[in-house]
PDB file of N, CA and C in Angstrom:
ATOM      1  N   UNK A   1       1.911  -4.515  -4.812  1.00  0.00           N
ATOM      2  CA  UNK A   1       1.368  -3.690  -3.754  1.00  0.00           C
ATOM      3  C   UNK A   1       0.386  -2.697  -4.370  1.00  0.00           C
ATOM      4  N   UNK A   2      -0.721  -2.543  -3.752  1.00  0.00           N
ATOM      5  CA  UNK A   2      -1.754  -1.622  -4.210  1.00  0.00           C
ATOM      6  C   UNK A   2      -1.729  -0.342  -3.372  1.00  0.00           C
ATOM      7  N   UNK A   3      -2.210   0.727  -3.959  1.00  0.00           N
ATOM      8  CA  UNK A   3      -2.332   1.999  -3.251  1.00  0.00           C
ATOM      9  C   UNK A   3      -3.512   1.889  -2.277  1.00  0.00           C
ATOM     10  N   UNK A   4      -3.273   2.273  -1.050  1.00  0.00           N
ATOM     11  CA  UNK A   4      -4.308   2.271  -0.012  1.00  0.00           C
ATOM     12  C   UNK A   4      -4.773   3.711   0.224  1.00  0.00           C
ATOM     13  N   UNK A   5      -5.972   3.877   0.740  1.00  0.00           N
ATOM     14  CA  UNK A   5      -6.500   5.219   0.994  1.00  0.00           C
ATOM     15  C   UNK A   5      -5.577   6.034   1.891  1.00  0.00           C
ATOM     16  N   UNK A   6      -4.958   5.385   2.882  1.00  0.00           N
ATOM     17  CA  UNK A   6      -4.076   6.128   3.789  1.00  0.00           C
ATOM     18  C   UNK A   6      -2.814   6.640   3.081  1.00  0.00           C
ATOM     19  N   UNK A   7      -2.451   6.028   1.948  1.00  0.00           N
ATOM     20  CA  UNK A   7      -1.294   6.516   1.188  1.00  0.00           C
ATOM     21  C   UNK A   7      -1.529   7.940   0.694  1.00  0.00           C
ATOM     22  N   UNK A   8      -2.767   8.252   0.351  1.00  0.00           N
ATOM     23  CA  UNK A   8      -3.099   9.593  -0.126  1.00  0.00           C
ATOM     24  C   UNK A   8      -2.953  10.640   0.977  1.00  0.00           C
ATOM     25  N   UNK A   9      -3.012  10.207   2.216  1.00  0.00           N
ATOM     26  CA  UNK A   9      -2.883  11.115   3.350  1.00  0.00           C
ATOM     27  C   UNK A   9      -1.450  11.185   3.856  1.00  0.00           C
ATOM     28  N   UNK A  10      -0.686  10.129   3.622  1.00  0.00           N
ATOM     29  CA  UNK A  10       0.680  10.051   4.134  1.00  0.00           C
ATOM     30  C   UNK A  10       1.716  10.653   3.181  1.00  0.00           C
ATOM     31  N   UNK A  11       1.483  10.528   1.881  1.00  0.00           N
ATOM     32  CA  UNK A  11       2.496  10.934   0.907  1.00  0.00           C
ATOM     33  C   UNK A  11       2.101  12.217   0.193  1.00  0.00           C
ATOM     34  N   UNK A  12       3.113  13.004  -0.190  1.00  0.00           N
ATOM     35  CA  UNK A  12       2.877  14.255  -0.910  1.00  0.00           C
ATOM     36  C   UNK A  12       2.634  14.029  -2.395  1.00  0.00           C
ATOM     37  N   UNK A  13       3.255  12.989  -2.947  1.00  0.00           N
ATOM     38  CA  UNK A  13       3.165  12.699  -4.380  1.00  0.00           C
ATOM     39  C   UNK A  13       2.864  11.222  -4.589  1.00  0.00           C
ATOM     40  N   UNK A  14       1.976  10.949  -5.525  1.00  0.00           N
ATOM     41  CA  UNK A  14       1.672   9.583  -5.938  1.00  0.00           C
ATOM     42  C   UNK A  14       1.736   9.571  -7.460  1.00  0.00           C
ATOM     43  N   UNK A  15       2.469   8.608  -7.995  1.00  0.00           N
ATOM     44  CA  UNK A  15       2.719   8.557  -9.433  1.00  0.00           C
ATOM     45  C   UNK A  15       1.964   7.423 -10.097  1.00  0.00           C
ATOM     46  N   UNK A  16       1.461   7.703 -11.281  1.00  0.00           N
ATOM     47  CA  UNK A  16       0.879   6.690 -12.146  1.00  0.00           C
ATOM     48  C   UNK A  16       1.781   6.494 -13.349  1.00  0.00           C
ATOM     49  N   UNK A  17       1.655   5.342 -13.974  1.00  0.00           N
ATOM     50  CA  UNK A  17       2.500   5.006 -15.122  1.00  0.00           C
ATOM     51  C   UNK A  17       1.836   5.319 -16.458  1.00  0.00           C
ATOM     52  N   UNK A  18       0.512   5.426 -16.462  1.00  0.00           N
ATOM     53  CA  UNK A  18      -0.202   5.740 -17.703  1.00  0.00           C
ATOM     54  C   UNK A  18      -1.499   6.472 -17.351  1.00  0.00           C
ATOM     55  N   UNK A  19      -2.229   6.883 -18.378  1.00  0.00           N
ATOM     56  CA  UNK A  19      -3.438   7.678 -18.159  1.00  0.00           C
ATOM     57  C   UNK A  19      -4.510   6.913 -17.379  1.00  0.00           C
ATOM     58  N   UNK A  20      -4.591   5.608 -17.600  1.00  0.00           N
ATOM     59  CA  UNK A  20      -5.574   4.809 -16.859  1.00  0.00           C
ATOM     60  C   UNK A  20      -5.221   4.779 -15.377  1.00  0.00           C
ATOM     61  N   UNK A  21      -3.925   4.626 -15.055  1.00  0.00           N
ATOM     62  CA  UNK A  21      -3.495   4.681 -13.650  1.00  0.00           C
ATOM     63  C   UNK A  21      -3.903   6.004 -13.019  1.00  0.00           C
ATOM     64  N   UNK A  22      -3.655   7.095 -13.737  1.00  0.00           N
ATOM     65  CA  UNK A  22      -3.962   8.431 -13.209  1.00  0.00           C
ATOM     66  C   UNK A  22      -5.461   8.554 -12.941  1.00  0.00           C
ATOM     67  N   UNK A  23      -6.268   8.114 -13.886  1.00  0.00           N
ATOM     68  CA  UNK A  23      -7.721   8.176 -13.719  1.00  0.00           C
ATOM     69  C   UNK A  23      -8.173   7.347 -12.516  1.00  0.00           C
ATOM     70  N   UNK A  24      -7.633   6.147 -12.384  1.00  0.00           N
ATOM     71  CA  UNK A  24      -7.989   5.293 -11.245  1.00  0.00           C
ATOM     72  C   UNK A  24      -7.556   5.908  -9.922  1.00  0.00           C
ATOM     73  N   UNK A  25      -6.362   6.482  -9.891  1.00  0.00           N
ATOM     74  CA  UNK A  25      -5.866   7.106  -8.662  1.00  0.00           C
ATOM     75  C   UNK A  25      -6.731   8.301  -8.262  1.00  0.00           C
ATOM     76  N   UNK A  26      -7.090   9.128  -9.241  1.00  0.00           N
ATOM     77  CA  UNK A  26      -7.933  10.290  -8.940  1.00  0.00           C
ATOM     78  C   UNK A  26      -9.307   9.860  -8.444  1.00  0.00           C
ATOM     79  N   UNK A  27      -9.805   8.744  -8.965  1.00  0.00           N
ATOM     80  CA  UNK A  27     -11.089   8.221  -8.508  1.00  0.00           C
ATOM     81  C   UNK A  27     -11.031   7.648  -7.101  1.00  0.00           C
ATOM     82  N   UNK A  28      -9.862   7.181  -6.716  1.00  0.00           N
ATOM     83  CA  UNK A  28      -9.673   6.582  -5.389  1.00  0.00           C
ATOM     84  C   UNK A  28      -9.290   7.619  -4.338  1.00  0.00           C
ATOM     85  N   UNK A  29      -8.783   8.769  -4.760  1.00  0.00           N
ATOM     86  CA  UNK A  29      -8.249   9.769  -3.838  1.00  0.00           C
ATOM     87  C   UNK A  29      -9.342  10.325  -2.924  1.00  0.00           C
ATOM     88  N   UNK A  30      -9.147  10.209  -1.608  1.00  0.00           N
ATOM     89  CA  UNK A  30     -10.127  10.772  -0.667  1.00  0.00           C
ATOM     90  C   UNK A  30     -10.170  12.302  -0.784  1.00  0.00           C
ATOM     91  N   UNK A  31     -11.325  12.911  -0.541  1.00  0.00           N
ATOM     92  CA  UNK A  31     -11.454  14.363  -0.681  1.00  0.00           C
ATOM     93  C   UNK A  31     -10.505  15.152   0.222  1.00  0.00           C
ATOM     94  N   UNK A  32     -10.144  14.583   1.368  1.00  0.00           N
ATOM     95  CA  UNK A  32      -9.272  15.308   2.301  1.00  0.00           C
ATOM     96  C   UNK A  32      -7.790  15.183   1.952  1.00  0.00           C
ATOM     97  N   UNK A  33      -7.483  14.433   0.925  1.00  0.00           N
ATOM     98  CA  UNK A  33      -6.089  14.225   0.525  1.00  0.00           C
ATOM     99  C   UNK A  33      -5.522  15.469  -0.142  1.00  0.00           C
ATOM    100  N   UNK A  34      -4.260  15.743   0.167  1.00  0.00           N
ATOM    101  CA  UNK A  34      -3.554  16.850  -0.484  1.00  0.00           C
ATOM    102  C   UNK A  34      -2.446  16.325  -1.391  1.00  0.00           C
ATOM    103  N   UNK A  35      -2.376  15.004  -1.548  1.00  0.00           N
ATOM    104  CA  UNK A  35      -1.343  14.401  -2.392  1.00  0.00           C
ATOM    105  C   UNK A  35      -1.539  14.831  -3.844  1.00  0.00           C
ATOM    106  N   UNK A  36      -0.434  15.087  -4.515  1.00  0.00           N
ATOM    107  CA  UNK A  36      -0.471  15.400  -5.941  1.00  0.00           C
ATOM    108  C   UNK A  36      -0.309  14.096  -6.713  1.00  0.00           C
ATOM    109  N   UNK A  37      -1.225  13.853  -7.630  1.00  0.00           N
ATOM    110  CA  UNK A  37      -1.159  12.667  -8.479  1.00  0.00           C
ATOM    111  C   UNK A  37      -0.536  13.092  -9.800  1.00  0.00           C
ATOM    112  N   UNK A  38       0.583  12.467 -10.125  1.00  0.00           N
ATOM    113  CA  UNK A  38       1.356  12.873 -11.295  1.00  0.00           C
ATOM    114  C   UNK A  38       1.677  11.681 -12.183  1.00  0.00           C
ATOM    115  N   UNK A  39       1.814  11.949 -13.471  1.00  0.00           N
ATOM    116  CA  UNK A  39       2.256  10.940 -14.427  1.00  0.00           C
ATOM    117  C   UNK A  39       3.780  10.902 -14.386  1.00  0.00           C
ATOM    118  N   UNK A  40       4.338   9.788 -13.942  1.00  0.00           N
ATOM    119  CA  UNK A  40       5.788   9.692 -13.761  1.00  0.00           C
ATOM    120  C   UNK A  40       6.541  10.027 -15.039  1.00  0.00           C
ATOM    121  N   UNK A  41       6.043   9.561 -16.175  1.00  0.00           N
ATOM    122  CA  UNK A  41       6.719   9.802 -17.449  1.00  0.00           C
ATOM    123  C   UNK A  41       6.789  11.267 -17.849  1.00  0.00           C
ATOM    124  N   UNK A  42       5.992  12.130 -17.226  1.00  0.00           N
ATOM    125  CA  UNK A  42       6.087  13.569 -17.515  1.00  0.00           C
ATOM    126  C   UNK A  42       7.460  14.121 -17.153  1.00  0.00           C
ATOM    127  N   UNK A  43       8.209  13.399 -16.352  1.00  0.00           N
ATOM    128  CA  UNK A  43       9.519  13.865 -15.901  1.00  0.00           C
ATOM    129  C   UNK A  43      10.667  13.198 -16.653  1.00  0.00           C
ATOM    130  N   UNK A  44      10.346  12.378 -17.650  1.00  0.00           N
ATOM    131  CA  UNK A  44      11.373  11.701 -18.451  1.00  0.00           C
ATOM    132  C   UNK A  44      11.968  12.703 -19.433  1.00  0.00           C
ATOM    133  N   UNK A  45      13.259  13.017 -19.310  1.00  0.00           N
ATOM    134  CA  UNK A  45      13.872  13.988 -20.216  1.00  0.00           C
ATOM    135  C   UNK A  45      13.890  13.526 -21.673  1.00  0.00           C
ATOM    136  N   UNK A  46      13.700  12.234 -21.911  1.00  0.00           N
ATOM    137  CA  UNK A  46      13.647  11.723 -23.282  1.00  0.00           C
ATOM    138  C   UNK A  46      12.244  11.806 -23.868  1.00  0.00           C
ATOM    139  N   UNK A  47      11.277  12.250 -23.069  1.00  0.00           N
ATOM    140  CA  UNK A  47       9.937  12.519 -23.564  1.00  0.00           C
ATOM    141  C   UNK A  47       8.998  11.335 -23.649  1.00  0.00           C
ATOM    142  N   UNK A  48       9.388  10.182 -23.109  1.00  0.00           N
ATOM    143  CA  UNK A  48       8.488   9.024 -23.093  1.00  0.00           C
ATOM    144  C   UNK A  48       7.497   9.193 -21.947  1.00  0.00           C
ATOM    145  N   UNK A  49       6.308   9.665 -22.261  1.00  0.00           N
ATOM    146  CA  UNK A  49       5.334   9.996 -21.217  1.00  0.00           C
ATOM    147  C   UNK A  49       4.722   8.765 -20.549  1.00  0.00           C
ATOM    148  N   UNK A  50       4.421   7.756 -21.335  1.00  0.00           N
ATOM    149  CA  UNK A  50       3.761   6.560 -20.811  1.00  0.00           C
ATOM    150  C   UNK A  50       4.810   5.492 -20.535  1.00  0.00           C
ATOM    151  N   UNK A  51       4.806   4.972 -19.327  1.00  0.00           N
ATOM    152  CA  UNK A  51       5.728   3.892 -18.973  1.00  0.00           C
ATOM    153  C   UNK A  51       5.010   2.581 -19.282  1.00  0.00           C
ATOM    154  N   UNK A  52       5.500   1.920 -20.300  1.00  0.00           N
ATOM    155  CA  UNK A  52       4.861   0.697 -20.798  1.00  0.00           C
ATOM    156  C   UNK A  52       5.030  -0.438 -19.796  1.00  0.00           C
ATOM    157  N   UNK A  53       3.956  -1.198 -19.632  1.00  0.00           N
ATOM    158  CA  UNK A  53       3.984  -2.373 -18.767  1.00  0.00           C
ATOM    159  C   UNK A  53       4.911  -3.412 -19.396  1.00  0.00           C
ATOM    160  N   UNK A  54       5.986  -3.793 -18.716  1.00  0.00           N
ATOM    161  CA  UNK A  54       6.965  -4.707 -19.324  1.00  0.00           C
ATOM    162  C   UNK A  54       6.428  -6.113 -19.557  1.00  0.00           C
ATOM    163  N   UNK A  55       5.330  -6.462 -18.946  1.00  0.00           N
ATOM    164  CA  UNK A  55       4.755  -7.794 -19.152  1.00  0.00           C
ATOM    165  C   UNK A  55       4.158  -7.958 -20.551  1.00  0.00           C
ATOM    166  N   UNK A  56       3.961  -6.846 -21.274  1.00  0.00           N
ATOM    167  CA  UNK A  56       3.455  -6.927 -22.641  1.00  0.00           C
ATOM    168  C   UNK A  56       4.567  -7.206 -23.646  1.00  0.00           C
ATOM    169  N   UNK A  57       5.808  -7.117 -23.224  1.00  0.00           N
ATOM    170  CA  UNK A  57       6.947  -7.390 -24.099  1.00  0.00           C
ATOM    171  C   UNK A  57       7.477  -8.789 -23.806  1.00  0.00           C
ATOM    172  N   UNK A  58       8.132  -9.367 -24.788  1.00  0.00           N
ATOM    173  CA  UNK A  58       8.723 -10.688 -24.556  1.00  0.00           C
ATOM    174  C   UNK A  58      10.168 -10.529 -24.096  1.00  0.00           C
ATOM    175  N   UNK A  59      10.597 -11.407 -23.225  1.00  0.00           N
ATOM    176  CA  UNK A  59      11.969 -11.365 -22.737  1.00  0.00           C
ATOM    177  C   UNK A  59      12.194 -10.267 -21.724  1.00  0.00           C
ATOM    178  N   UNK A  60      13.456 -10.061 -21.414  1.00  0.00           N
ATOM    179  CA  UNK A  60      13.817  -9.092 -20.376  1.00  0.00           C
ATOM    180  C   UNK A  60      13.980  -7.673 -20.910  1.00  0.00           C
ATOM    181  N   UNK A  61      13.944  -7.485 -22.215  1.00  0.00           N
ATOM    182  CA  UNK A  61      14.143  -6.156 -22.790  1.00  0.00           C
ATOM    183  C   UNK A  61      13.100  -5.154 -22.303  1.00  0.00           C
ATOM    184  N   UNK A  62      11.846  -5.583 -22.201  1.00  0.00           N
ATOM    185  CA  UNK A  62      10.790  -4.692 -21.728  1.00  0.00           C
ATOM    186  C   UNK A  62      11.009  -4.238 -20.296  1.00  0.00           C
ATOM    187  N   UNK A  63      11.521  -5.141 -19.470  1.00  0.00           N
ATOM    188  CA  UNK A  63      11.794  -4.789 -18.074  1.00  0.00           C
ATOM    189  C   UNK A  63      12.951  -3.801 -17.977  1.00  0.00           C
ATOM    190  N   UNK A  64      13.967  -3.998 -18.790  1.00  0.00           N
ATOM    191  CA  UNK A  64      15.105  -3.079 -18.793  1.00  0.00           C
ATOM    192  C   UNK A  64      14.667  -1.697 -19.254  1.00  0.00           C
ATOM    193  N   UNK A  65      13.859  -1.639 -20.316  1.00  0.00           N
ATOM    194  CA  UNK A  65      13.371  -0.353 -20.822  1.00  0.00           C
ATOM    195  C   UNK A  65      12.526   0.352 -19.760  1.00  0.00           C
ATOM    196  N   UNK A  66      11.644  -0.394 -19.115  1.00  0.00           N
ATOM    197  CA  UNK A  66      10.794   0.166 -18.061  1.00  0.00           C
ATOM    198  C   UNK A  66      11.647   0.699 -16.914  1.00  0.00           C
ATOM    199  N   UNK A  67      12.628  -0.084 -16.504  1.00  0.00           N
ATOM    200  CA  UNK A  67      13.522   0.325 -15.413  1.00  0.00           C
ATOM    201  C   UNK A  67      14.257   1.612 -15.773  1.00  0.00           C
ATOM    202  N   UNK A  68      14.835   1.660 -16.962  1.00  0.00           N
ATOM    203  CA  UNK A  68      15.599   2.841 -17.377  1.00  0.00           C
ATOM    204  C   UNK A  68      14.699   4.075 -17.450  1.00  0.00           C
ATOM    205  N   UNK A  69      13.500   3.913 -17.959  1.00  0.00           N
ATOM    206  CA  UNK A  69      12.581   5.045 -18.029  1.00  0.00           C
ATOM    207  C   UNK A  69      12.190   5.517 -16.629  1.00  0.00           C
ATOM    208  N   UNK A  70      11.967   4.578 -15.718  1.00  0.00           N
ATOM    209  CA  UNK A  70      11.629   4.955 -14.341  1.00  0.00           C
ATOM    210  C   UNK A  70      12.782   5.696 -13.674  1.00  0.00           C
ATOM    211  N   UNK A  71      14.014   5.240 -13.893  1.00  0.00           N
ATOM    212  CA  UNK A  71      15.186   5.916 -13.320  1.00  0.00           C
ATOM    213  C   UNK A  71      15.284   7.337 -13.870  1.00  0.00           C
ATOM    214  N   UNK A  72      15.171   7.486 -15.202  1.00  0.00           N
ATOM    215  CA  UNK A  72      15.239   8.828 -15.808  1.00  0.00           C
ATOM    216  C   UNK A  72      14.133   9.725 -15.260  1.00  0.00           C
ATOM    217  N   UNK A  73      12.931   9.176 -15.174  1.00  0.00           N
ATOM    218  CA  UNK A  73      11.781   9.964 -14.724  1.00  0.00           C
ATOM    219  C   UNK A  73      11.911  10.368 -13.260  1.00  0.00           C
ATOM    220  N   UNK A  74      12.369   9.452 -12.420  1.00  0.00           N
ATOM    221  CA  UNK A  74      12.564   9.783 -10.998  1.00  0.00           C
ATOM    222  C   UNK A  74      13.637  10.847 -10.832  1.00  0.00           C
ATOM    223  N   UNK A  75      14.725  10.716 -11.570  1.00  0.00           N
ATOM    224  CA  UNK A  75      15.776  11.737 -11.514  1.00  0.00           C
ATOM    225  C   UNK A  75      15.256  13.075 -12.017  1.00  0.00           C
ATOM    226  N   UNK A  76      14.459  13.054 -13.085  1.00  0.00           N
ATOM    227  CA  UNK A  76      13.863  14.284 -13.601  1.00  0.00           C
ATOM    228  C   UNK A  76      12.927  14.922 -12.589  1.00  0.00           C
ATOM    229  N   UNK A  77      12.138  14.109 -11.910  1.00  0.00           N
ATOM    230  CA  UNK A  77      11.247  14.620 -10.871  1.00  0.00           C
ATOM    231  C   UNK A  77      12.050  15.273  -9.752  1.00  0.00           C
ATOM    232  N   UNK A  78      13.087  14.576  -9.274  1.00  0.00           N
ATOM    233  CA  UNK A  78      13.902  15.119  -8.180  1.00  0.00           C
ATOM    234  C   UNK A  78      14.597  16.408  -8.591  1.00  0.00           C
ATOM    235  N   UNK A  79      15.075  16.481  -9.831  1.00  0.00           N
ATOM    236  CA  UNK A  79      15.697  17.716 -10.325  1.00  0.00           C
ATOM    237  C   UNK A  79      14.702  18.870 -10.284  1.00  0.00           C
ATOM    238  N   UNK A  80      13.493  18.638 -10.776  1.00  0.00           N
ATOM    239  CA  UNK A  80      12.482  19.702 -10.777  1.00  0.00           C
ATOM    240  C   UNK A  80      12.062  20.078  -9.360  1.00  0.00           C
ATOM    241  N   UNK A  81      11.981  19.098  -8.489  1.00  0.00           N
ATOM    242  CA  UNK A  81      11.626  19.365  -7.094  1.00  0.00           C
ATOM    243  C   UNK A  81      12.692  20.227  -6.428  1.00  0.00           C
ATOM    244  N   UNK A  82      13.965  19.876  -6.645  1.00  0.00           N
ATOM    245  CA  UNK A  82      15.072  20.650  -6.065  1.00  0.00           C
ATOM    246  C   UNK A  82      15.114  22.073  -6.605  1.00  0.00           C
ATOM    247  N   UNK A  83      14.695  22.263  -7.844  1.00  0.00           N
ATOM    248  CA  UNK A  83      14.698  23.590  -8.462  1.00  0.00           C
ATOM    249  C   UNK A  83      13.441  24.390  -8.118  1.00  0.00           C
ATOM    250  N   UNK A  84      12.557  23.796  -7.336  1.00  0.00           N
ATOM    251  CA  UNK A  84      11.335  24.487  -6.932  1.00  0.00           C
ATOM    252  C   UNK A  84      10.298  24.595  -8.033  1.00  0.00           C
ATOM    253  N   UNK A  85      10.399  23.761  -9.062  1.00  0.00           N
ATOM    254  CA  UNK A  85       9.448  23.809 -10.173  1.00  0.00           C
ATOM    255  C   UNK A  85       8.180  23.011  -9.896  1.00  0.00           C
ATOM    256  N   UNK A  86       8.201  22.258  -8.814  1.00  0.00           N
ATOM    257  CA  UNK A  86       7.025  21.454  -8.455  1.00  0.00           C
ATOM    258  C   UNK A  86       6.530  21.928  -7.096  1.00  0.00           C
TER     259      UNK A  86
END
């Protein structure tokens, strides 16, 4: 699924997995959008900022690592949101 222009108007937060994603999202963001574009890995308590594309790894290990990092990062984001830090 790709990000659509209306997503920038409907959602408060849009996450990218790496710096290229962030750059592409900011380039696509309509001027009237108030959505915050954030790097999901910034919320990983283990400090892994970039979420590696699991297709570059062989076997299922890359997918498991990606999944675990996404879970940690989403939980970290929700914790910061609940604490009013975002």
